[in-house]
Amino acid sequence: MSIASLLPDASGVPAVDTDGFPAEYRPFSLGHRLALDVIGVSGLRWAAASPAGDFGPDTSSVGGYALTEVGDPASRISRADHARALVDLAEQSDLPREHVGMLPLTPDEKASMVSGEGHR
């Protein structure tokens, strides 16, 4: 698991590195970054995963997810869809060795994409 504040935005800057990031959360986010740095050079098979934005406490499962390398603070994924993504990642033999975010499927994608397929 990881946290969305480490995912870069569309311009390539992680939220934790922006001026508007809350100072009280910065040490926690930087601790996660340090952990990813250590794991990244370890030679282990790994993947770090987080919502691309946050969990939606009242969000229903849409039955799938899309992986992303870009953070989206407005995105809200259900706990069920995030859990499905974590299990799918854990079952892969070729983990991506990177931090990925999970987005809920949009209504348009729902018909054509099954859980875990696709990368936005």
N, C-alpha and C. Protein backbone atom coordinates (compact mmCIF):
# COMPACT_ATOMS: atom_id res chain seq x y z
N MET A 1 0.84 -1.18 0.00
CA MET A 1 0.00 0.00 0.00
C MET A 1 0.89 1.24 0.00
N SER A 2 0.35 2.26 -0.56
CA SER A 2 1.03 3.54 -0.56
C SER A 2 -0.02 4.63 -0.46
N ILE A 3 0.37 5.85 -0.76
CA ILE A 3 -0.56 6.97 -0.64
C ILE A 3 -0.53 7.82 -1.90
N ALA A 4 -1.68 8.38 -2.22
CA ALA A 4 -1.86 9.13 -3.46
C ALA A 4 -0.98 10.38 -3.54
N SER A 5 -0.58 10.93 -2.43
CA SER A 5 0.22 12.16 -2.45
C SER A 5 1.58 11.97 -3.11
N LEU A 6 1.98 10.72 -3.34
CA LEU A 6 3.25 10.45 -4.01
C LEU A 6 3.11 10.28 -5.51
N LEU A 7 1.87 10.11 -5.99
CA LEU A 7 1.66 9.99 -7.44
C LEU A 7 1.81 11.36 -8.08
N PRO A 8 2.51 11.43 -9.22
CA PRO A 8 2.64 12.73 -9.89
C PRO A 8 1.31 13.16 -10.51
N ASP A 9 1.12 14.48 -10.62
CA ASP A 9 -0.05 14.99 -11.33
C ASP A 9 0.28 15.01 -12.82
N ALA A 10 -0.59 15.57 -13.63
CA ALA A 10 -0.39 15.59 -15.08
C ALA A 10 0.90 16.30 -15.49
N SER A 11 1.38 17.23 -14.65
CA SER A 11 2.63 17.93 -14.98
C SER A 11 3.86 17.20 -14.45
N GLY A 12 3.65 16.07 -13.76
CA GLY A 12 4.77 15.27 -13.26
C GLY A 12 5.19 15.56 -11.84
N VAL A 13 4.45 16.40 -11.12
CA VAL A 13 4.81 16.78 -9.75
C VAL A 13 3.89 16.07 -8.75
N PRO A 14 4.46 15.30 -7.83
CA PRO A 14 3.64 14.68 -6.79
C PRO A 14 3.03 15.76 -5.88
N ALA A 15 1.84 15.50 -5.40
CA ALA A 15 1.15 16.46 -4.53
C ALA A 15 2.00 16.86 -3.34
N VAL A 16 2.75 15.92 -2.77
CA VAL A 16 3.57 16.21 -1.59
C VAL A 16 4.63 17.27 -1.88
N ASP A 17 4.99 17.45 -3.14
CA ASP A 17 6.02 18.42 -3.51
C ASP A 17 5.46 19.77 -3.95
N THR A 18 4.17 19.97 -3.79
CA THR A 18 3.58 21.25 -4.18
C THR A 18 3.49 22.19 -2.98
N ASP A 19 3.43 23.48 -3.25
CA ASP A 19 3.35 24.49 -2.18
C ASP A 19 2.08 24.36 -1.36
N GLY A 20 0.99 23.92 -1.97
CA GLY A 20 -0.28 23.85 -1.27
C GLY A 20 -0.48 22.61 -0.43
N PHE A 21 0.48 21.69 -0.43
CA PHE A 21 0.32 20.45 0.34
C PHE A 21 0.37 20.76 1.83
N PRO A 22 -0.59 20.24 2.61
CA PRO A 22 -0.63 20.54 4.06
C PRO A 22 0.64 20.10 4.79
N ALA A 23 1.25 21.02 5.47
CA ALA A 23 2.52 20.76 6.17
C ALA A 23 2.40 19.63 7.18
N GLU A 24 1.25 19.50 7.82
CA GLU A 24 1.10 18.46 8.85
C GLU A 24 1.09 17.04 8.27
N TYR A 25 0.84 16.90 6.96
CA TYR A 25 0.85 15.57 6.33
C TYR A 25 2.15 15.27 5.61
N ARG A 26 2.98 16.28 5.44
CA ARG A 26 4.22 16.11 4.69
C ARG A 26 5.15 15.04 5.28
N PRO A 27 5.44 15.02 6.59
CA PRO A 27 6.34 13.99 7.13
C PRO A 27 5.83 12.56 6.87
N PHE A 28 4.53 12.36 6.98
CA PHE A 28 3.95 11.04 6.74
C PHE A 28 4.17 10.63 5.28
N SER A 29 3.90 11.55 4.35
CA SER A 29 4.09 11.25 2.93
C SER A 29 5.56 11.01 2.60
N LEU A 30 6.44 11.81 3.18
CA LEU A 30 7.86 11.63 2.92
C LEU A 30 8.38 10.31 3.50
N GLY A 31 7.78 9.87 4.60
CA GLY A 31 8.12 8.55 5.15
C GLY A 31 7.75 7.44 4.17
N HIS A 32 6.60 7.57 3.54
CA HIS A 32 6.19 6.60 2.53
C HIS A 32 7.14 6.63 1.33
N ARG A 33 7.55 7.84 0.93
CA ARG A 33 8.48 7.96 -0.20
C ARG A 33 9.80 7.26 0.13
N LEU A 34 10.29 7.46 1.34
CA LEU A 34 11.53 6.81 1.76
C LEU A 34 11.39 5.29 1.71
N ALA A 35 10.26 4.78 2.18
CA ALA A 35 10.02 3.33 2.14
C ALA A 35 10.04 2.82 0.70
N LEU A 36 9.40 3.56 -0.21
CA LEU A 36 9.40 3.15 -1.62
C LEU A 36 10.81 3.19 -2.20
N ASP A 37 11.60 4.18 -1.82
CA ASP A 37 12.99 4.26 -2.29
C ASP A 37 13.79 3.04 -1.83
N VAL A 38 13.61 2.65 -0.58
CA VAL A 38 14.34 1.49 -0.03
C VAL A 38 13.90 0.21 -0.73
N ILE A 39 12.60 0.03 -0.85
CA ILE A 39 12.09 -1.18 -1.51
C ILE A 39 12.51 -1.20 -2.98
N GLY A 40 12.53 -0.03 -3.61
CA GLY A 40 12.86 0.07 -5.02
C GLY A 40 14.25 -0.44 -5.38
N VAL A 41 15.20 -0.32 -4.48
CA VAL A 41 16.56 -0.78 -4.77
C VAL A 41 16.86 -2.13 -4.13
N SER A 42 15.85 -2.78 -3.59
CA SER A 42 16.05 -4.02 -2.84
C SER A 42 16.19 -5.26 -3.69
N GLY A 43 15.74 -5.23 -4.93
CA GLY A 43 15.76 -6.44 -5.74
C GLY A 43 14.52 -7.30 -5.55
N LEU A 44 13.63 -6.91 -4.67
CA LEU A 44 12.39 -7.65 -4.43
C LEU A 44 11.41 -7.44 -5.58
N ARG A 45 10.50 -8.39 -5.75
CA ARG A 45 9.35 -8.19 -6.63
C ARG A 45 8.33 -7.42 -5.82
N TRP A 46 7.87 -6.27 -6.31
CA TRP A 46 6.97 -5.46 -5.51
C TRP A 46 6.11 -4.57 -6.38
N ALA A 47 5.09 -4.06 -5.76
CA ALA A 47 4.25 -3.01 -6.34
C ALA A 47 3.68 -2.25 -5.16
N ALA A 48 3.59 -0.96 -5.29
CA ALA A 48 2.92 -0.13 -4.29
C ALA A 48 1.63 0.36 -4.93
N ALA A 49 0.56 0.36 -4.17
CA ALA A 49 -0.74 0.71 -4.74
C ALA A 49 -1.48 1.65 -3.80
N SER A 50 -2.19 2.58 -4.40
CA SER A 50 -3.02 3.51 -3.62
C SER A 50 -4.18 3.96 -4.49
N PRO A 51 -5.21 4.50 -3.88
CA PRO A 51 -6.20 5.16 -4.72
C PRO A 51 -5.49 6.29 -5.47
N ALA A 52 -5.95 6.61 -6.67
CA ALA A 52 -5.36 7.74 -7.41
C ALA A 52 -5.69 9.05 -6.71
N GLY A 53 -6.78 9.06 -5.96
CA GLY A 53 -7.19 10.24 -5.19
C GLY A 53 -7.44 9.85 -3.75
N ASP A 54 -8.60 9.27 -3.50
CA ASP A 54 -8.96 8.87 -2.15
C ASP A 54 -10.04 7.81 -2.22
N PHE A 55 -10.42 7.29 -1.06
CA PHE A 55 -11.55 6.37 -0.99
C PHE A 55 -12.83 7.19 -0.93
N GLY A 56 -13.87 6.68 -1.55
CA GLY A 56 -15.18 7.30 -1.46
C GLY A 56 -15.98 6.56 -0.40
N PRO A 57 -16.17 7.16 0.77
CA PRO A 57 -16.82 6.43 1.87
C PRO A 57 -18.23 5.95 1.52
N ASP A 58 -18.92 6.66 0.68
CA ASP A 58 -20.26 6.26 0.29
C ASP A 58 -20.31 5.81 -1.16
N THR A 59 -19.16 5.43 -1.70
CA THR A 59 -19.06 5.05 -3.11
C THR A 59 -19.32 3.56 -3.27
N SER A 60 -20.23 3.22 -4.15
CA SER A 60 -20.51 1.81 -4.43
C SER A 60 -19.51 1.27 -5.44
N SER A 61 -19.29 -0.02 -5.39
CA SER A 61 -18.41 -0.67 -6.35
C SER A 61 -18.98 -0.50 -7.75
N VAL A 62 -18.08 -0.21 -8.70
CA VAL A 62 -18.50 -0.16 -10.10
C VAL A 62 -18.10 -1.45 -10.81
N GLY A 63 -17.50 -2.37 -10.06
CA GLY A 63 -17.16 -3.67 -10.61
C GLY A 63 -15.81 -3.74 -11.29
N GLY A 64 -14.99 -2.75 -11.10
CA GLY A 64 -13.67 -2.79 -11.71
C GLY A 64 -12.89 -1.53 -11.44
N TYR A 65 -11.73 -1.47 -12.03
CA TYR A 65 -10.82 -0.35 -11.80
C TYR A 65 -9.90 -0.22 -13.00
N ALA A 66 -9.23 0.88 -13.06
CA ALA A 66 -8.18 1.10 -14.05
C ALA A 66 -6.93 1.53 -13.29
N LEU A 67 -5.79 1.09 -13.75
CA LEU A 67 -4.52 1.50 -13.14
C LEU A 67 -4.06 2.79 -13.78
N THR A 68 -3.38 3.60 -13.00
CA THR A 68 -2.85 4.87 -13.51
C THR A 68 -1.52 5.17 -12.84
N GLU A 69 -0.70 5.92 -13.50
CA GLU A 69 0.56 6.39 -12.93
C GLU A 69 0.44 7.83 -12.49
N VAL A 70 -0.75 8.43 -12.70
CA VAL A 70 -0.98 9.84 -12.42
C VAL A 70 -2.03 9.99 -11.32
N GLY A 71 -1.73 10.84 -10.36
CA GLY A 71 -2.69 11.10 -9.30
C GLY A 71 -3.85 11.96 -9.78
N ASP A 72 -5.00 11.78 -9.17
CA ASP A 72 -6.18 12.57 -9.49
C ASP A 72 -6.90 12.85 -8.18
N PRO A 73 -6.63 13.99 -7.54
CA PRO A 73 -7.20 14.28 -6.22
C PRO A 73 -8.73 14.21 -6.17
N ALA A 74 -9.40 14.41 -7.30
CA ALA A 74 -10.86 14.38 -7.31
C ALA A 74 -11.42 12.96 -7.42
N SER A 75 -10.58 12.00 -7.75
CA SER A 75 -11.03 10.62 -7.95
C SER A 75 -11.40 9.97 -6.62
N ARG A 76 -12.48 9.20 -6.62
CA ARG A 76 -12.91 8.45 -5.44
C ARG A 76 -13.21 7.02 -5.86
N ILE A 77 -12.51 6.08 -5.27
CA ILE A 77 -12.71 4.67 -5.58
C ILE A 77 -13.33 3.99 -4.37
N SER A 78 -14.17 3.00 -4.62
CA SER A 78 -14.77 2.27 -3.51
C SER A 78 -13.73 1.35 -2.88
N ARG A 79 -13.92 1.03 -1.65
CA ARG A 79 -13.01 0.11 -0.97
C ARG A 79 -13.03 -1.26 -1.65
N ALA A 80 -14.19 -1.69 -2.12
CA ALA A 80 -14.31 -2.99 -2.79
C ALA A 80 -13.51 -3.02 -4.09
N ASP A 81 -13.59 -1.97 -4.90
CA ASP A 81 -12.84 -1.95 -6.16
C ASP A 81 -11.34 -1.83 -5.90
N HIS A 82 -10.97 -1.09 -4.87
CA HIS A 82 -9.55 -0.99 -4.50
C HIS A 82 -9.03 -2.34 -4.03
N ALA A 83 -9.82 -3.03 -3.22
CA ALA A 83 -9.42 -4.36 -2.73
C ALA A 83 -9.25 -5.33 -3.90
N ARG A 84 -10.16 -5.26 -4.88
CA ARG A 84 -10.05 -6.12 -6.06
C ARG A 84 -8.73 -5.83 -6.78
N ALA A 85 -8.37 -4.57 -6.90
CA ALA A 85 -7.11 -4.20 -7.56
C ALA A 85 -5.91 -4.74 -6.79
N LEU A 86 -5.94 -4.66 -5.47
CA LEU A 86 -4.83 -5.17 -4.66
C LEU A 86 -4.67 -6.67 -4.84
N VAL A 87 -5.77 -7.41 -4.83
CA VAL A 87 -5.70 -8.86 -5.02
C VAL A 87 -5.17 -9.18 -6.41
N ASP A 88 -5.66 -8.49 -7.42
CA ASP A 88 -5.17 -8.72 -8.78
C ASP A 88 -3.66 -8.46 -8.88
N LEU A 89 -3.19 -7.39 -8.28
CA LEU A 89 -1.75 -7.10 -8.29
C LEU A 89 -0.97 -8.19 -7.56
N ALA A 90 -1.47 -8.61 -6.40
CA ALA A 90 -0.78 -9.63 -5.60
C ALA A 90 -0.67 -10.96 -6.35
N GLU A 91 -1.63 -11.25 -7.20
CA GLU A 91 -1.62 -12.51 -7.93
C GLU A 91 -0.74 -12.48 -9.18
N GLN A 92 -0.24 -11.32 -9.57
CA GLN A 92 0.62 -11.22 -10.75
C GLN A 92 2.01 -11.76 -10.44
N SER A 93 2.58 -12.46 -11.40
CA SER A 93 3.94 -12.94 -11.21
C SER A 93 4.97 -11.89 -11.61
N ASP A 94 4.55 -10.92 -12.41
CA ASP A 94 5.47 -9.88 -12.88
C ASP A 94 5.02 -8.51 -12.35
N LEU A 95 5.20 -8.30 -11.07
CA LEU A 95 4.79 -7.04 -10.46
C LEU A 95 5.53 -5.88 -11.10
N PRO A 96 4.87 -4.73 -11.20
CA PRO A 96 5.45 -3.63 -11.97
C PRO A 96 6.65 -2.91 -11.34
N ARG A 97 6.97 -3.18 -10.07
CA ARG A 97 8.07 -2.50 -9.38
C ARG A 97 7.92 -0.98 -9.46
N GLU A 98 6.70 -0.52 -9.20
CA GLU A 98 6.42 0.91 -9.19
C GLU A 98 5.17 1.17 -8.36
N HIS A 99 4.92 2.42 -8.12
CA HIS A 99 3.70 2.86 -7.41
C HIS A 99 2.64 3.12 -8.46
N VAL A 100 1.50 2.47 -8.32
CA VAL A 100 0.39 2.69 -9.24
C VAL A 100 -0.83 3.14 -8.45
N GLY A 101 -1.67 3.92 -9.12
CA GLY A 101 -2.91 4.36 -8.53
C GLY A 101 -4.08 3.59 -9.12
N MET A 102 -5.18 3.55 -8.40
CA MET A 102 -6.38 2.89 -8.88
C MET A 102 -7.48 3.91 -9.04
N LEU A 103 -8.11 3.88 -10.21
CA LEU A 103 -9.25 4.74 -10.52
C LEU A 103 -10.47 3.85 -10.71
N PRO A 104 -11.65 4.33 -10.34
CA PRO A 104 -12.84 3.55 -10.66
C PRO A 104 -13.09 3.63 -12.16
N LEU A 105 -13.71 2.61 -12.70
CA LEU A 105 -14.09 2.65 -14.11
C LEU A 105 -15.16 3.71 -14.31
N THR A 106 -15.13 4.36 -15.45
CA THR A 106 -16.19 5.30 -15.79
C THR A 106 -17.36 4.51 -16.38
N PRO A 107 -18.54 5.09 -16.46
CA PRO A 107 -19.67 4.36 -17.05
C PRO A 107 -19.38 3.86 -18.47
N ASP A 108 -18.64 4.61 -19.26
CA ASP A 108 -18.30 4.18 -20.62
C ASP A 108 -17.37 2.96 -20.61
N GLU A 109 -16.46 2.92 -19.68
CA GLU A 109 -15.51 1.81 -19.61
C GLU A 109 -16.17 0.55 -19.06
N LYS A 110 -17.17 0.72 -18.23
CA LYS A 110 -17.78 -0.41 -17.55
C LYS A 110 -18.20 -1.51 -18.52
N ALA A 111 -18.73 -1.13 -19.65
CA ALA A 111 -19.21 -2.12 -20.60
C ALA A 111 -18.07 -2.85 -21.31
N SER A 112 -16.93 -2.20 -21.50
CA SER A 112 -15.88 -2.78 -22.31
C SER A 112 -14.65 -3.23 -21.55
N MET A 113 -14.54 -2.89 -20.28
CA MET A 113 -13.33 -3.20 -19.54
C MET A 113 -13.65 -4.05 -18.32
N VAL A 114 -12.92 -5.11 -18.14
CA VAL A 114 -13.10 -5.94 -16.96
C VAL A 114 -12.06 -5.50 -15.94
N SER A 115 -12.27 -5.87 -14.69
CA SER A 115 -11.38 -5.39 -13.64
C SER A 115 -9.92 -5.64 -14.00
N GLY A 116 -9.15 -4.61 -13.77
CA GLY A 116 -7.71 -4.73 -13.93
C GLY A 116 -7.20 -4.55 -15.34
N GLU A 117 -8.03 -4.66 -16.35
CA GLU A 117 -7.54 -4.49 -17.70
C GLU A 117 -7.52 -3.01 -18.05
N GLY A 118 -6.48 -2.60 -18.65
CA GLY A 118 -6.38 -1.20 -19.04
C GLY A 118 -5.46 -0.44 -18.12
N HIS A 119 -4.93 0.60 -18.64
CA HIS A 119 -3.98 1.42 -17.89
C HIS A 119 -4.16 2.83 -18.39
N ARG A 120 -4.60 3.73 -17.51
CA ARG A 120 -4.80 5.11 -17.95
C ARG A 120 -3.65 5.96 -17.47
